[in-house]
Amino acid sequence: MSIKLKILGCHSATPRVNAHPTSQYLEINNRHFLIDCGEGTQRQMRKYKVGFSKINHIFISHLHGDHFFGLIGLLSTYGILNREKDLHVYGPVGIKEITELQLKLSMSHVRYRIVFHELSSKKSELIFEDDKVAVYTIPLRHRVYTNGFLFKEKPKPRNLHLDNIKQYDEIETCDYYNIKAGKDFILSTGEIVPNEELTTDPVRPKSYAFCSDTMFKPDIVPIIEGVDILYHEATFLKELEHLCEKTKHSTAEQAAIIAKDANVGLLILGHYSSRYSDIECFKEEAQTVFENVALARVGETFTCNASLQLQV
């Protein structure tokens, strides 16, 4: 499984009995990330059996309470659990100051090291990378400095075509690494065996884009072009589009336009305004523009394998 996305919270503004602010748990290529941390996130993590110890990187889109008020509670709990591993927190400038002040004044002593990566660029930038995954910012337009995040698998090694390889006695197991890396094999005669004959294409790398609170912003399309799954906020329906300028949010239709123009695989809508009692209308509106639409619901899981699959 390349991508597994668990929705921990997907509603706007204040938490309610059956509405939880934004937070997501993402597994991609065996890496584990927490995206946003609205109030009550750690409770949701326990409810849906998200392993606390697996998370070493937390990404905060912006400093509005429904996206990060749960962070201090989670960090304090890590201290109670005697966490020792470093924890990396990525977010806007100011997140270090406010977090360290809360820890200091509450005397919430932690033994582990919190590494803050404060963001200020208005251009997309690489903020995390290892041998399996790269994470880029998606500059958004909201009432405060805000980023979305693009998670991309690194390309996988090519697959060995063992039936063809066996035809060449000179190729040994120790040569497999270079062959999987895409290199041709040179026989003792000087003849070159093309890599295409010895391997097959690997599975295409998967990607996930999280677009938190934002106005309609078409210039993000090149950044998220072709992603397998796009989460895009849809606070309002078209009938209340006039509120988008004031609140710096989007409609379901606008999210669908972004998905269509970016040629994404699946669009997930979320961050619904509490004024709507039935969220199915968000899907209906979006599908007038883009067909493959799903609604974020608390506790749901979306997966992406070799072919895009939706699992609830």
C-alpha atoms as a PDB file:
ATOM      1  CA  MET A   1       0.000   0.000   0.000  1.00  0.00           C
ATOM      2  CA  SER A   2       1.572   3.290  -1.115  1.00  0.00           C
ATOM      3  CA  ILE A   3      -0.873   5.810   0.386  1.00  0.00           C
ATOM      4  CA  LYS A   4      -3.212   5.481   3.338  1.00  0.00           C
ATOM      5  CA  LEU A   5      -5.014   8.605   4.517  1.00  0.00           C
ATOM      6  CA  LYS A   6      -7.053   8.614   7.746  1.00  0.00           C
ATOM      7  CA  ILE A   7      -9.392  11.547   8.338  1.00  0.00           C
ATOM      8  CA  LEU A   8      -9.233  12.513  12.027  1.00  0.00           C
ATOM      9  CA  GLY A   9     -11.135  15.766  11.608  1.00  0.00           C
ATOM     10  CA  CYS A  10     -12.595  17.641   8.640  1.00  0.00           C
ATOM     11  CA  HIS A  11     -14.897  20.413   9.858  1.00  0.00           C
ATOM     12  CA  SER A  12     -14.344  24.154  10.064  1.00  0.00           C
ATOM     13  CA  ALA A  13     -14.205  26.542  13.010  1.00  0.00           C
ATOM     14  CA  THR A  14     -15.096  25.179  16.442  1.00  0.00           C
ATOM     15  CA  PRO A  15     -15.297  21.531  17.527  1.00  0.00           C
ATOM     16  CA  ARG A  16     -18.782  20.183  18.185  1.00  0.00           C
ATOM     17  CA  VAL A  17     -20.259  16.897  19.392  1.00  0.00           C
ATOM     18  CA  ASN A  18     -20.127  15.309  15.955  1.00  0.00           C
ATOM     19  CA  ALA A  19     -17.763  17.694  14.172  1.00  0.00           C
ATOM     20  CA  HIS A  20     -14.008  17.665  14.628  1.00  0.00           C
ATOM     21  CA  PRO A  21     -11.558  20.287  13.305  1.00  0.00           C
ATOM     22  CA  THR A  22      -8.917  19.491  10.744  1.00  0.00           C
ATOM     23  CA  SER A  23      -6.375  16.741  11.244  1.00  0.00           C
ATOM     24  CA  GLN A  24      -5.155  13.896   9.046  1.00  0.00           C
ATOM     25  CA  TYR A  25      -2.854  10.924   9.446  1.00  0.00           C
ATOM     26  CA  LEU A  26      -0.940  10.013   6.302  1.00  0.00           C
ATOM     27  CA  GLU A  27       1.044   6.884   5.555  1.00  0.00           C
ATOM     28  CA  ILE A  28       3.000   7.101   2.310  1.00  0.00           C
ATOM     29  CA  ASN A  29       5.697   4.651   1.251  1.00  0.00           C
ATOM     30  CA  ASN A  30       6.073   3.441   4.860  1.00  0.00           C
ATOM     31  CA  ARG A  31       6.469   6.969   6.226  1.00  0.00           C
ATOM     32  CA  HIS A  32       4.040   8.377   8.800  1.00  0.00           C
ATOM     33  CA  PHE A  33       2.947  12.012   9.003  1.00  0.00           C
ATOM     34  CA  LEU A  34       0.405  14.072  10.932  1.00  0.00           C
ATOM     35  CA  ILE A  35      -1.128  16.931   8.952  1.00  0.00           C
ATOM     36  CA  ASP A  36      -2.679  19.726  11.018  1.00  0.00           C
ATOM     37  CA  CYS A  37      -3.622  19.193  14.620  1.00  0.00           C
ATOM     38  CA  GLY A  38      -6.963  20.753  15.509  1.00  0.00           C
ATOM     39  CA  GLU A  39      -8.370  20.605  19.010  1.00  0.00           C
ATOM     40  CA  GLY A  40      -8.928  17.025  20.173  1.00  0.00           C
ATOM     41  CA  THR A  41      -6.600  15.425  17.636  1.00  0.00           C
ATOM     42  CA  GLN A  42      -4.911  13.112  20.123  1.00  0.00           C
ATOM     43  CA  ARG A  43      -8.310  11.811  21.215  1.00  0.00           C
ATOM     44  CA  GLN A  44      -9.113  11.062  17.590  1.00  0.00           C
ATOM     45  CA  MET A  45      -5.756   9.349  17.214  1.00  0.00           C
ATOM     46  CA  ARG A  46      -6.599   7.031  20.080  1.00  0.00           C
ATOM     47  CA  LYS A  47     -10.108   6.391  18.815  1.00  0.00           C
ATOM     48  CA  TYR A  48      -8.884   5.388  15.357  1.00  0.00           C
ATOM     49  CA  LYS A  49      -5.792   3.560  16.610  1.00  0.00           C
ATOM     50  CA  VAL A  50      -3.149   5.841  15.147  1.00  0.00           C
ATOM     51  CA  GLY A  51       0.190   4.888  16.663  1.00  0.00           C
ATOM     52  CA  PHE A  52       1.623   7.875  18.521  1.00  0.00           C
ATOM     53  CA  SER A  53       5.177   6.569  18.327  1.00  0.00           C
ATOM     54  CA  LYS A  54       5.114   6.246  14.522  1.00  0.00           C
ATOM     55  CA  ILE A  55       4.830   9.983  13.993  1.00  0.00           C
ATOM     56  CA  ASN A  56       8.095  11.907  13.784  1.00  0.00           C
ATOM     57  CA  HIS A  57       6.930  14.761  11.522  1.00  0.00           C
ATOM     58  CA  ILE A  58       3.951  17.080  12.020  1.00  0.00           C
ATOM     59  CA  PHE A  59       2.906  19.596   9.366  1.00  0.00           C
ATOM     60  CA  ILE A  60       0.810  22.619  10.403  1.00  0.00           C
ATOM     61  CA  SER A  61      -0.775  24.600   7.568  1.00  0.00           C
ATOM     62  CA  HIS A  62      -1.486  27.829   9.477  1.00  0.00           C
ATOM     63  CA  LEU A  63      -1.968  29.262  12.934  1.00  0.00           C
ATOM     64  CA  HIS A  64      -5.759  29.278  13.165  1.00  0.00           C
ATOM     65  CA  GLY A  65      -7.001  27.350  16.176  1.00  0.00           C
ATOM     66  CA  ASP A  66      -8.988  24.737  14.278  1.00  0.00           C
ATOM     67  CA  HIS A  67      -5.730  23.650  12.661  1.00  0.00           C
ATOM     68  CA  PHE A  68      -3.244  23.664  15.533  1.00  0.00           C
ATOM     69  CA  PHE A  69      -4.887  24.054  18.971  1.00  0.00           C
ATOM     70  CA  GLY A  70      -4.433  20.312  19.517  1.00  0.00           C
ATOM     71  CA  LEU A  71      -0.667  20.488  19.064  1.00  0.00           C
ATOM     72  CA  ILE A  72       0.314  21.535  22.602  1.00  0.00           C
ATOM     73  CA  GLY A  73      -1.812  18.757  24.067  1.00  0.00           C
ATOM     74  CA  LEU A  74      -0.206  16.159  21.831  1.00  0.00           C
ATOM     75  CA  LEU A  75       3.312  17.388  22.594  1.00  0.00           C
ATOM     76  CA  SER A  76       2.560  17.299  26.327  1.00  0.00           C
ATOM     77  CA  THR A  77       1.228  13.760  26.051  1.00  0.00           C
ATOM     78  CA  TYR A  78       4.420  12.707  24.281  1.00  0.00           C
ATOM     79  CA  GLY A  79       6.258  13.999  27.336  1.00  0.00           C
ATOM     80  CA  ILE A  80       4.055  11.975  29.679  1.00  0.00           C
ATOM     81  CA  LEU A  81       4.703   8.907  27.517  1.00  0.00           C
ATOM     82  CA  ASN A  82       8.462   9.470  27.939  1.00  0.00           C
ATOM     83  CA  ARG A  83       9.096   9.935  24.253  1.00  0.00           C
ATOM     84  CA  GLU A  84      12.812  10.131  23.441  1.00  0.00           C
ATOM     85  CA  LYS A  85      12.895  10.434  19.646  1.00  0.00           C
ATOM     86  CA  ASP A  86      13.166  13.845  18.021  1.00  0.00           C
ATOM     87  CA  LEU A  87       9.891  15.303  16.774  1.00  0.00           C
ATOM     88  CA  HIS A  88       9.927  17.658  13.781  1.00  0.00           C
ATOM     89  CA  VAL A  89       7.240  20.336  13.516  1.00  0.00           C
ATOM     90  CA  TYR A  90       6.786  22.278  10.274  1.00  0.00           C
ATOM     91  CA  GLY A  91       4.659  25.421  10.296  1.00  0.00           C
ATOM     92  CA  PRO A  92       4.529  29.200   9.876  1.00  0.00           C
ATOM     93  CA  VAL A  93       6.886  31.555  11.625  1.00  0.00           C
ATOM     94  CA  GLY A  94       5.578  31.926  15.175  1.00  0.00           C
ATOM     95  CA  ILE A  95       4.808  28.286  15.805  1.00  0.00           C
ATOM     96  CA  LYS A  96       8.022  27.832  17.774  1.00  0.00           C
ATOM     97  CA  GLU A  97       7.387  30.861  19.977  1.00  0.00           C
ATOM     98  CA  ILE A  98       3.789  30.001  20.832  1.00  0.00           C
ATOM     99  CA  THR A  99       4.538  26.322  21.447  1.00  0.00           C
ATOM    100  CA  GLU A 100       7.582  26.904  23.630  1.00  0.00           C
ATOM    101  CA  LEU A 101       5.692  29.525  25.650  1.00  0.00           C
ATOM    102  CA  GLN A 102       2.853  27.084  26.321  1.00  0.00           C
ATOM    103  CA  LEU A 103       5.283  24.365  27.347  1.00  0.00           C
ATOM    104  CA  LYS A 104       7.194  26.775  29.583  1.00  0.00           C
ATOM    105  CA  LEU A 105       4.243  28.337  31.407  1.00  0.00           C
ATOM    106  CA  SER A 106       2.465  25.007  31.881  1.00  0.00           C
ATOM    107  CA  MET A 107       5.721  23.448  33.073  1.00  0.00           C
ATOM    108  CA  SER A 108       5.176  20.641  30.589  1.00  0.00           C
ATOM    109  CA  HIS A 109       8.694  19.288  30.601  1.00  0.00           C
ATOM    110  CA  VAL A 110       9.604  17.062  27.682  1.00  0.00           C
ATOM    111  CA  ARG A 111      12.702  14.893  27.392  1.00  0.00           C
ATOM    112  CA  TYR A 112      12.604  14.626  23.642  1.00  0.00           C
ATOM    113  CA  ARG A 113      13.823  17.332  21.264  1.00  0.00           C
ATOM    114  CA  ILE A 114      11.267  19.332  19.285  1.00  0.00           C
ATOM    115  CA  VAL A 115      12.810  20.548  16.036  1.00  0.00           C
ATOM    116  CA  PHE A 116      10.884  23.469  14.543  1.00  0.00           C
ATOM    117  CA  HIS A 117      11.014  24.201  10.823  1.00  0.00           C
ATOM    118  CA  GLU A 118       9.440  27.627  10.452  1.00  0.00           C
ATOM    119  CA  LEU A 119       8.117  28.556   7.023  1.00  0.00           C
ATOM    120  CA  SER A 120       7.790  31.997   5.458  1.00  0.00           C
ATOM    121  CA  SER A 121       8.318  31.582   1.711  1.00  0.00           C
ATOM    122  CA  LYS A 122       5.452  32.416  -0.624  1.00  0.00           C
ATOM    123  CA  LYS A 123       6.877  30.066  -3.224  1.00  0.00           C
ATOM    124  CA  SER A 124       6.680  26.277  -3.228  1.00  0.00           C
ATOM    125  CA  GLU A 125       9.746  24.786  -1.556  1.00  0.00           C
ATOM    126  CA  LEU A 126      11.106  21.399  -0.536  1.00  0.00           C
ATOM    127  CA  ILE A 127      10.852  21.131   3.270  1.00  0.00           C
ATOM    128  CA  PHE A 128      11.430  17.412   3.918  1.00  0.00           C
ATOM    129  CA  GLU A 129      13.200  14.647   2.046  1.00  0.00           C
ATOM    130  CA  ASP A 130      14.538  11.193   2.723  1.00  0.00           C
ATOM    131  CA  ASP A 131      15.173   8.160   0.536  1.00  0.00           C
ATOM    132  CA  LYS A 132      11.446   7.380   0.153  1.00  0.00           C
ATOM    133  CA  VAL A 133       9.415  10.600   0.330  1.00  0.00           C
ATOM    134  CA  ALA A 134       9.703  14.306  -0.476  1.00  0.00           C
ATOM    135  CA  VAL A 135       7.393  17.006   0.899  1.00  0.00           C
ATOM    136  CA  TYR A 136       6.838  20.407  -0.716  1.00  0.00           C
ATOM    137  CA  THR A 137       4.806  23.423   0.369  1.00  0.00           C
ATOM    138  CA  ILE A 138       1.784  24.608  -1.623  1.00  0.00           C
ATOM    139  CA  PRO A 139       1.440  28.380  -1.044  1.00  0.00           C
ATOM    140  CA  LEU A 140      -2.217  29.215  -0.373  1.00  0.00           C
ATOM    141  CA  ARG A 141      -4.219  32.410   0.140  1.00  0.00           C
ATOM    142  CA  HIS A 142      -5.985  32.761   3.470  1.00  0.00           C
ATOM    143  CA  ARG A 143      -6.408  35.412   6.172  1.00  0.00           C
ATOM    144  CA  VAL A 144      -3.027  34.449   7.640  1.00  0.00           C
ATOM    145  CA  TYR A 145       0.093  32.930   6.089  1.00  0.00           C
ATOM    146  CA  THR A 146      -0.924  29.426   4.994  1.00  0.00           C
ATOM    147  CA  ASN A 147       0.607  26.473   3.172  1.00  0.00           C
ATOM    148  CA  GLY A 148      -0.746  23.252   1.831  1.00  0.00           C
ATOM    149  CA  PHE A 149       1.587  20.279   1.546  1.00  0.00           C
ATOM    150  CA  LEU A 150       2.492  17.981  -1.345  1.00  0.00           C
ATOM    151  CA  PHE A 151       3.733  14.497  -0.428  1.00  0.00           C
ATOM    152  CA  LYS A 152       5.505  12.592  -3.207  1.00  0.00           C
ATOM    153  CA  GLU A 153       6.971   9.112  -3.248  1.00  0.00           C
ATOM    154  CA  LYS A 154      10.489   8.837  -4.570  1.00  0.00           C
ATOM    155  CA  PRO A 155      10.748   6.784  -7.782  1.00  0.00           C
ATOM    156  CA  LYS A 156      11.132   3.094  -7.054  1.00  0.00           C
ATOM    157  CA  PRO A 157      13.914   0.902  -8.514  1.00  0.00           C
ATOM    158  CA  ARG A 158      13.190  -0.890 -11.771  1.00  0.00           C
ATOM    159  CA  ASN A 159      11.893  -4.467 -11.569  1.00  0.00           C
ATOM    160  CA  LEU A 160      14.216  -7.287 -12.594  1.00  0.00           C
ATOM    161  CA  HIS A 161      13.153  -9.339 -15.632  1.00  0.00           C
ATOM    162  CA  LEU A 162      14.634 -12.570 -14.297  1.00  0.00           C
ATOM    163  CA  ASP A 163      13.711 -14.727 -17.308  1.00  0.00           C
ATOM    164  CA  ASN A 164      15.774 -12.490 -19.548  1.00  0.00           C
ATOM    165  CA  ILE A 165      18.597 -12.113 -17.030  1.00  0.00           C
ATOM    166  CA  LYS A 166      18.989 -15.890 -16.823  1.00  0.00           C
ATOM    167  CA  GLN A 167      19.935 -15.928 -20.499  1.00  0.00           C
ATOM    168  CA  TYR A 168      23.252 -14.258 -19.597  1.00  0.00           C
ATOM    169  CA  ASP A 169      25.556 -16.405 -17.471  1.00  0.00           C
ATOM    170  CA  GLU A 170      27.817 -13.436 -16.761  1.00  0.00           C
ATOM    171  CA  ILE A 171      25.134 -11.566 -14.833  1.00  0.00           C
ATOM    172  CA  GLU A 172      25.438 -12.388 -11.142  1.00  0.00           C
ATOM    173  CA  THR A 173      23.332 -11.494  -8.129  1.00  0.00           C
ATOM    174  CA  CYS A 174      25.814  -8.781  -7.167  1.00  0.00           C
ATOM    175  CA  ASP A 175      24.985  -7.009 -10.454  1.00  0.00           C
ATOM    176  CA  TYR A 176      21.291  -6.693  -9.632  1.00  0.00           C
ATOM    177  CA  TYR A 177      21.650  -3.413  -7.731  1.00  0.00           C
ATOM    178  CA  ASN A 178      23.094  -1.572 -10.731  1.00  0.00           C
ATOM    179  CA  ILE A 179      20.600  -3.144 -13.089  1.00  0.00           C
ATOM    180  CA  LYS A 180      17.660  -2.095 -10.870  1.00  0.00           C
ATOM    181  CA  ALA A 181      19.166   1.400 -10.806  1.00  0.00           C
ATOM    182  CA  GLY A 182      18.759   1.529 -14.601  1.00  0.00           C
ATOM    183  CA  LYS A 183      22.268   0.714 -15.797  1.00  0.00           C
ATOM    184  CA  ASP A 184      23.021  -1.390 -18.879  1.00  0.00           C
ATOM    185  CA  PHE A 185      25.152  -4.529 -18.502  1.00  0.00           C
ATOM    186  CA  ILE A 186      28.385  -4.878 -20.433  1.00  0.00           C
ATOM    187  CA  LEU A 187      29.382  -8.439 -21.362  1.00  0.00           C
ATOM    188  CA  SER A 188      33.011  -9.587 -21.476  1.00  0.00           C
ATOM    189  CA  THR A 189      32.823  -9.358 -25.276  1.00  0.00           C
ATOM    190  CA  GLY A 190      32.047  -5.667 -24.989  1.00  0.00           C
ATOM    191  CA  GLU A 191      28.455  -6.182 -26.079  1.00  0.00           C
ATOM    192  CA  ILE A 192      26.009  -3.952 -24.229  1.00  0.00           C
ATOM    193  CA  VAL A 193      22.791  -5.485 -22.942  1.00  0.00           C
ATOM    194  CA  PRO A 194      20.235  -2.641 -22.711  1.00  0.00           C
ATOM    195  CA  ASN A 195      18.626  -2.165 -19.331  1.00  0.00           C
ATOM    196  CA  GLU A 196      15.198  -2.268 -20.972  1.00  0.00           C
ATOM    197  CA  GLU A 197      15.843  -5.924 -21.788  1.00  0.00           C
ATOM    198  CA  LEU A 198      16.766  -6.786 -18.194  1.00  0.00           C
ATOM    199  CA  THR A 199      14.080  -4.849 -16.317  1.00  0.00           C
ATOM    200  CA  THR A 200      10.491  -3.686 -16.418  1.00  0.00           C
ATOM    201  CA  ASP A 201       9.076  -0.346 -15.356  1.00  0.00           C
ATOM    202  CA  PRO A 202       8.402   0.097 -11.625  1.00  0.00           C
ATOM    203  CA  VAL A 203       5.040   1.142 -10.254  1.00  0.00           C
ATOM    204  CA  ARG A 204       4.501   4.857 -10.799  1.00  0.00           C
ATOM    205  CA  PRO A 205       5.242   6.889  -7.644  1.00  0.00           C
ATOM    206  CA  LYS A 206       2.118   8.064  -5.801  1.00  0.00           C
ATOM    207  CA  SER A 207       1.401  11.530  -4.494  1.00  0.00           C
ATOM    208  CA  TYR A 208      -0.992  13.332  -2.160  1.00  0.00           C
ATOM    209  CA  ALA A 209      -1.770  17.051  -1.970  1.00  0.00           C
ATOM    210  CA  PHE A 210      -3.341  18.678   1.086  1.00  0.00           C
ATOM    211  CA  CYS A 211      -4.818  22.109   0.399  1.00  0.00           C
ATOM    212  CA  SER A 212      -5.925  23.618   3.647  1.00  0.00           C
ATOM    213  CA  ASP A 213      -7.897  26.869   4.077  1.00  0.00           C
ATOM    214  CA  THR A 214      -7.622  28.966   0.932  1.00  0.00           C
ATOM    215  CA  MET A 215      -9.428  31.098  -1.558  1.00  0.00           C
ATOM    216  CA  PHE A 216      -9.713  29.855  -5.106  1.00  0.00           C
ATOM    217  CA  LYS A 217      -6.084  29.947  -6.261  1.00  0.00           C
ATOM    218  CA  PRO A 218      -5.572  28.570  -9.788  1.00  0.00           C
ATOM    219  CA  ASP A 219      -1.818  29.156  -9.715  1.00  0.00           C
ATOM    220  CA  ILE A 220      -1.375  26.067  -7.499  1.00  0.00           C
ATOM    221  CA  VAL A 221      -2.397  23.844 -10.410  1.00  0.00           C
ATOM    222  CA  PRO A 222       1.154  23.346 -11.796  1.00  0.00           C
ATOM    223  CA  ILE A 223       2.370  22.356  -8.311  1.00  0.00           C
ATOM    224  CA  ILE A 224      -0.230  19.626  -7.839  1.00  0.00           C
ATOM    225  CA  GLU A 225      -0.512  18.534 -11.474  1.00  0.00           C
ATOM    226  CA  GLY A 226      -1.393  14.837 -11.738  1.00  0.00           C
ATOM    227  CA  VAL A 227      -1.485  13.973  -8.028  1.00  0.00           C
ATOM    228  CA  ASP A 228      -3.315  10.788  -7.176  1.00  0.00           C
ATOM    229  CA  ILE A 229      -5.338  12.286  -4.323  1.00  0.00           C
ATOM    230  CA  LEU A 230      -6.134  15.947  -3.669  1.00  0.00           C
ATOM    231  CA  TYR A 231      -7.756  17.158  -0.467  1.00  0.00           C
ATOM    232  CA  HIS A 232      -9.126  20.664  -1.008  1.00  0.00           C
ATOM    233  CA  GLU A 233     -11.145  22.706   1.415  1.00  0.00           C
ATOM    234  CA  ALA A 234     -14.768  23.475   0.446  1.00  0.00           C
ATOM    235  CA  THR A 235     -16.248  25.601   3.196  1.00  0.00           C
ATOM    236  CA  PHE A 236     -19.199  26.909   1.159  1.00  0.00           C
ATOM    237  CA  LEU A 237     -21.471  26.057  -1.709  1.00  0.00           C
ATOM    238  CA  LYS A 238     -21.692  28.321  -4.754  1.00  0.00           C
ATOM    239  CA  GLU A 239     -24.744  30.116  -3.359  1.00  0.00           C
ATOM    240  CA  LEU A 240     -22.486  31.637  -0.673  1.00  0.00           C
ATOM    241  CA  GLU A 241     -19.506  32.325  -2.919  1.00  0.00           C
ATOM    242  CA  HIS A 242     -19.716  35.999  -1.932  1.00  0.00           C
ATOM    243  CA  LEU A 243     -18.439  34.968   1.532  1.00  0.00           C
ATOM    244  CA  CYS A 244     -15.225  33.551   0.067  1.00  0.00           C
ATOM    245  CA  GLU A 245     -13.638  36.964  -0.428  1.00  0.00           C
ATOM    246  CA  LYS A 246     -14.363  37.963   3.166  1.00  0.00           C
ATOM    247  CA  THR A 247     -13.332  34.695   4.820  1.00  0.00           C
ATOM    248  CA  LYS A 248     -10.700  33.579   2.275  1.00  0.00           C
ATOM    249  CA  HIS A 249     -12.274  30.163   1.716  1.00  0.00           C
ATOM    250  CA  SER A 250     -13.458  28.160  -1.313  1.00  0.00           C
ATOM    251  CA  THR A 251     -16.625  26.604  -2.646  1.00  0.00           C
ATOM    252  CA  ALA A 252     -17.064  22.972  -3.673  1.00  0.00           C
ATOM    253  CA  GLU A 253     -17.277  24.066  -7.304  1.00  0.00           C
ATOM    254  CA  GLN A 254     -14.004  25.989  -7.050  1.00  0.00           C
ATOM    255  CA  ALA A 255     -12.250  22.985  -5.508  1.00  0.00           C
ATOM    256  CA  ALA A 256     -13.527  20.865  -8.388  1.00  0.00           C
ATOM    257  CA  ILE A 257     -12.168  23.345 -10.947  1.00  0.00           C
ATOM    258  CA  ILE A 258      -8.733  23.029  -9.354  1.00  0.00           C
ATOM    259  CA  ALA A 259      -9.007  19.212  -9.433  1.00  0.00           C
ATOM    260  CA  LYS A 260     -10.078  19.183 -13.066  1.00  0.00           C
ATOM    261  CA  ASP A 261      -7.418  21.629 -14.249  1.00  0.00           C
ATOM    262  CA  ALA A 262      -4.718  19.720 -12.325  1.00  0.00           C
ATOM    263  CA  ASN A 263      -5.909  16.368 -13.701  1.00  0.00           C
ATOM    264  CA  VAL A 264      -5.893  14.707 -10.283  1.00  0.00           C
ATOM    265  CA  GLY A 265      -7.063  11.169  -9.628  1.00  0.00           C
ATOM    266  CA  LEU A 266      -9.448  11.759  -6.728  1.00  0.00           C
ATOM    267  CA  LEU A 267     -10.744  14.941  -5.100  1.00  0.00           C
ATOM    268  CA  ILE A 268     -11.631  14.832  -1.400  1.00  0.00           C
ATOM    269  CA  LEU A 269     -13.664  17.740  -0.052  1.00  0.00           C
ATOM    270  CA  GLY A 270     -13.626  18.908   3.560  1.00  0.00           C
ATOM    271  CA  HIS A 271     -13.682  21.838   6.013  1.00  0.00           C
ATOM    272  CA  TYR A 272     -17.456  22.184   5.726  1.00  0.00           C
ATOM    273  CA  SER A 273     -19.176  25.180   7.278  1.00  0.00           C
ATOM    274  CA  SER A 274     -21.444  24.276  10.210  1.00  0.00           C
ATOM    275  CA  ARG A 275     -24.349  25.991   8.450  1.00  0.00           C
ATOM    276  CA  TYR A 276     -24.787  22.866   6.292  1.00  0.00           C
ATOM    277  CA  SER A 277     -26.572  19.900   7.889  1.00  0.00           C
ATOM    278  CA  ASP A 278     -26.212  17.655   4.824  1.00  0.00           C
ATOM    279  CA  ILE A 279     -22.759  17.561   3.264  1.00  0.00           C
ATOM    280  CA  GLU A 280     -23.860  15.462   0.274  1.00  0.00           C
ATOM    281  CA  CYS A 281     -24.671  18.738  -1.457  1.00  0.00           C
ATOM    282  CA  PHE A 282     -20.930  19.486  -1.579  1.00  0.00           C
ATOM    283  CA  LYS A 283     -20.284  16.341  -3.601  1.00  0.00           C
ATOM    284  CA  GLU A 284     -23.208  17.055  -5.915  1.00  0.00           C
ATOM    285  CA  GLU A 285     -21.958  20.561  -6.645  1.00  0.00           C
ATOM    286  CA  ALA A 286     -18.377  19.452  -7.255  1.00  0.00           C
ATOM    287  CA  GLN A 287     -19.443  16.644  -9.592  1.00  0.00           C
ATOM    288  CA  THR A 288     -20.953  19.140 -12.008  1.00  0.00           C
ATOM    289  CA  VAL A 289     -17.307  19.998 -12.800  1.00  0.00           C
ATOM    290  CA  PHE A 290     -15.199  16.966 -11.816  1.00  0.00           C
ATOM    291  CA  GLU A 291     -16.565  13.423 -11.561  1.00  0.00           C
ATOM    292  CA  ASN A 292     -14.294  11.579  -9.121  1.00  0.00           C
ATOM    293  CA  VAL A 293     -15.230  13.295  -5.851  1.00  0.00           C
ATOM    294  CA  ALA A 294     -15.361  11.957  -2.292  1.00  0.00           C
ATOM    295  CA  LEU A 295     -16.379  13.591   0.965  1.00  0.00           C
ATOM    296  CA  ALA A 296     -14.084  13.619   3.962  1.00  0.00           C
ATOM    297  CA  ARG A 297     -15.849  12.078   6.947  1.00  0.00           C
ATOM    298  CA  VAL A 298     -14.284  11.576  10.337  1.00  0.00           C
ATOM    299  CA  GLY A 299     -12.807   8.094  10.665  1.00  0.00           C
ATOM    300  CA  GLU A 300     -12.742   7.300   6.953  1.00  0.00           C
ATOM    301  CA  THR A 301      -9.681   5.904   5.236  1.00  0.00           C
ATOM    302  CA  PHE A 302      -8.649   6.563   1.652  1.00  0.00           C
ATOM    303  CA  THR A 303      -6.066   4.315   0.026  1.00  0.00           C
ATOM    304  CA  CYS A 304      -4.130   4.462  -3.216  1.00  0.00           C
ATOM    305  CA  ASN A 305      -2.393   1.371  -4.593  1.00  0.00           C
ATOM    306  CA  ALA A 306      -1.290   0.514  -8.119  1.00  0.00           C
ATOM    307  CA  SER A 307      -4.767   1.661  -9.170  1.00  0.00           C
ATOM    308  CA  LEU A 308      -6.692   4.313  -7.264  1.00  0.00           C
ATOM    309  CA  GLN A 309      -9.031   2.729  -4.736  1.00  0.00           C
ATOM    310  CA  LEU A 310     -11.366   4.232  -2.189  1.00  0.00           C
ATOM    311  CA  GLN A 311     -11.756   2.352   1.063  1.00  0.00           C
ATOM    312  CA  VAL A 312     -14.064   3.410   3.876  1.00  0.00           C
END
